[in-house]
């Protein structure tokens, strides 16, 4: 099961200026976003654990995003 819905991603790509979007292009973006989200979550979880917490907070995600820049 995909973590992201296909239609909203396609709409996002069209909003960014892509007039015609191939299905495999949306699939490739979806794969990238899922991998990136998992990596960010792993990093944020490490930050939370380092702080002695089980709950991942918005601040943990912000730090993870700052650490994992593309």
C-alpha atoms as a PDB file:
ATOM      1  CA  UNK A   1       0.000   0.000   0.000  1.00  0.00           C
ATOM      2  CA  UNK A   2       1.361   3.386  -1.005  1.00  0.00           C
ATOM      3  CA  UNK A   3       1.756   6.104   1.601  1.00  0.00           C
ATOM      4  CA  UNK A   4       0.900   8.840  -0.888  1.00  0.00           C
ATOM      5  CA  UNK A   5      -2.107   9.075  -3.160  1.00  0.00           C
ATOM      6  CA  UNK A   6      -1.399   9.229  -6.890  1.00  0.00           C
ATOM      7  CA  UNK A   7      -3.910  11.902  -7.916  1.00  0.00           C
ATOM      8  CA  UNK A   8      -2.810  14.621  -5.453  1.00  0.00           C
ATOM      9  CA  UNK A   9       0.832  14.100  -6.437  1.00  0.00           C
ATOM     10  CA  UNK A  10      -0.078  14.393 -10.105  1.00  0.00           C
ATOM     11  CA  UNK A  11      -2.028  17.582  -9.325  1.00  0.00           C
ATOM     12  CA  UNK A  12       0.979  18.938  -7.409  1.00  0.00           C
ATOM     13  CA  UNK A  13       3.222  18.295 -10.407  1.00  0.00           C
ATOM     14  CA  UNK A  14       0.728  20.018 -12.706  1.00  0.00           C
ATOM     15  CA  UNK A  15       0.509  22.978 -10.299  1.00  0.00           C
ATOM     16  CA  UNK A  16       4.304  23.191 -10.527  1.00  0.00           C
ATOM     17  CA  UNK A  17       3.965  23.679 -14.277  1.00  0.00           C
ATOM     18  CA  UNK A  18       4.048  20.195 -15.818  1.00  0.00           C
ATOM     19  CA  UNK A  19       1.281  20.248 -18.417  1.00  0.00           C
ATOM     20  CA  UNK A  20       1.340  16.508 -19.121  1.00  0.00           C
ATOM     21  CA  UNK A  21       2.495  14.063 -16.452  1.00  0.00           C
ATOM     22  CA  UNK A  22       3.235  10.415 -17.210  1.00  0.00           C
ATOM     23  CA  UNK A  23       2.092   7.804 -14.717  1.00  0.00           C
ATOM     24  CA  UNK A  24       5.642   6.494 -14.275  1.00  0.00           C
ATOM     25  CA  UNK A  25       6.810  10.028 -13.405  1.00  0.00           C
ATOM     26  CA  UNK A  26       4.255  10.208 -10.592  1.00  0.00           C
ATOM     27  CA  UNK A  27       5.259   6.704  -9.466  1.00  0.00           C
ATOM     28  CA  UNK A  28       8.928   7.755  -9.363  1.00  0.00           C
ATOM     29  CA  UNK A  29       8.086  10.850  -7.292  1.00  0.00           C
ATOM     30  CA  UNK A  30       5.957   8.707  -4.983  1.00  0.00           C
ATOM     31  CA  UNK A  31       8.849   6.255  -4.428  1.00  0.00           C
ATOM     32  CA  UNK A  32      11.228   9.124  -3.681  1.00  0.00           C
ATOM     33  CA  UNK A  33       8.838  10.803  -1.229  1.00  0.00           C
ATOM     34  CA  UNK A  34       8.178   7.541   0.619  1.00  0.00           C
ATOM     35  CA  UNK A  35      11.903   6.846   0.992  1.00  0.00           C
ATOM     36  CA  UNK A  36      12.621  10.435   2.048  1.00  0.00           C
ATOM     37  CA  UNK A  37       9.782  10.407   4.598  1.00  0.00           C
ATOM     38  CA  UNK A  38      11.014   7.121   6.078  1.00  0.00           C
ATOM     39  CA  UNK A  39      14.571   8.461   6.361  1.00  0.00           C
ATOM     40  CA  UNK A  40      13.359  11.667   8.016  1.00  0.00           C
ATOM     41  CA  UNK A  41      11.225   9.689  10.449  1.00  0.00           C
ATOM     42  CA  UNK A  42      14.138   7.395  11.342  1.00  0.00           C
ATOM     43  CA  UNK A  43      16.305  10.429  12.022  1.00  0.00           C
ATOM     44  CA  UNK A  44      13.584  12.153  14.067  1.00  0.00           C
ATOM     45  CA  UNK A  45      13.047   8.971  16.072  1.00  0.00           C
ATOM     46  CA  UNK A  46      16.779   8.815  16.859  1.00  0.00           C
ATOM     47  CA  UNK A  47      16.593  12.429  18.054  1.00  0.00           C
ATOM     48  CA  UNK A  48      13.580  11.665  20.258  1.00  0.00           C
ATOM     49  CA  UNK A  49      15.279   8.562  21.715  1.00  0.00           C
ATOM     50  CA  UNK A  50      18.427  10.577  22.380  1.00  0.00           C
ATOM     51  CA  UNK A  51      16.238  12.973  24.379  1.00  0.00           C
ATOM     52  CA  UNK A  52      14.785  10.059  26.362  1.00  0.00           C
ATOM     53  CA  UNK A  53      11.385  10.180  24.650  1.00  0.00           C
ATOM     54  CA  UNK A  54       9.312   7.765  22.609  1.00  0.00           C
ATOM     55  CA  UNK A  55       7.132  10.476  21.047  1.00  0.00           C
ATOM     56  CA  UNK A  56       8.427  12.163  17.903  1.00  0.00           C
ATOM     57  CA  UNK A  57       7.646  15.880  18.033  1.00  0.00           C
ATOM     58  CA  UNK A  58       7.447  18.564  15.377  1.00  0.00           C
ATOM     59  CA  UNK A  59      10.761  19.903  16.663  1.00  0.00           C
ATOM     60  CA  UNK A  60      12.366  16.464  16.160  1.00  0.00           C
ATOM     61  CA  UNK A  61      11.118  16.525  12.559  1.00  0.00           C
ATOM     62  CA  UNK A  62      12.426  20.075  12.078  1.00  0.00           C
ATOM     63  CA  UNK A  63      15.884  19.034  13.284  1.00  0.00           C
ATOM     64  CA  UNK A  64      15.792  15.930  11.061  1.00  0.00           C
ATOM     65  CA  UNK A  65      14.826  18.042   8.064  1.00  0.00           C
ATOM     66  CA  UNK A  66      17.703  20.440   8.812  1.00  0.00           C
ATOM     67  CA  UNK A  67      20.116  17.487   9.093  1.00  0.00           C
ATOM     68  CA  UNK A  68      18.920  15.648   5.980  1.00  0.00           C
ATOM     69  CA  UNK A  69      18.919  18.296   3.273  1.00  0.00           C
ATOM     70  CA  UNK A  70      18.616  17.186  -0.327  1.00  0.00           C
END
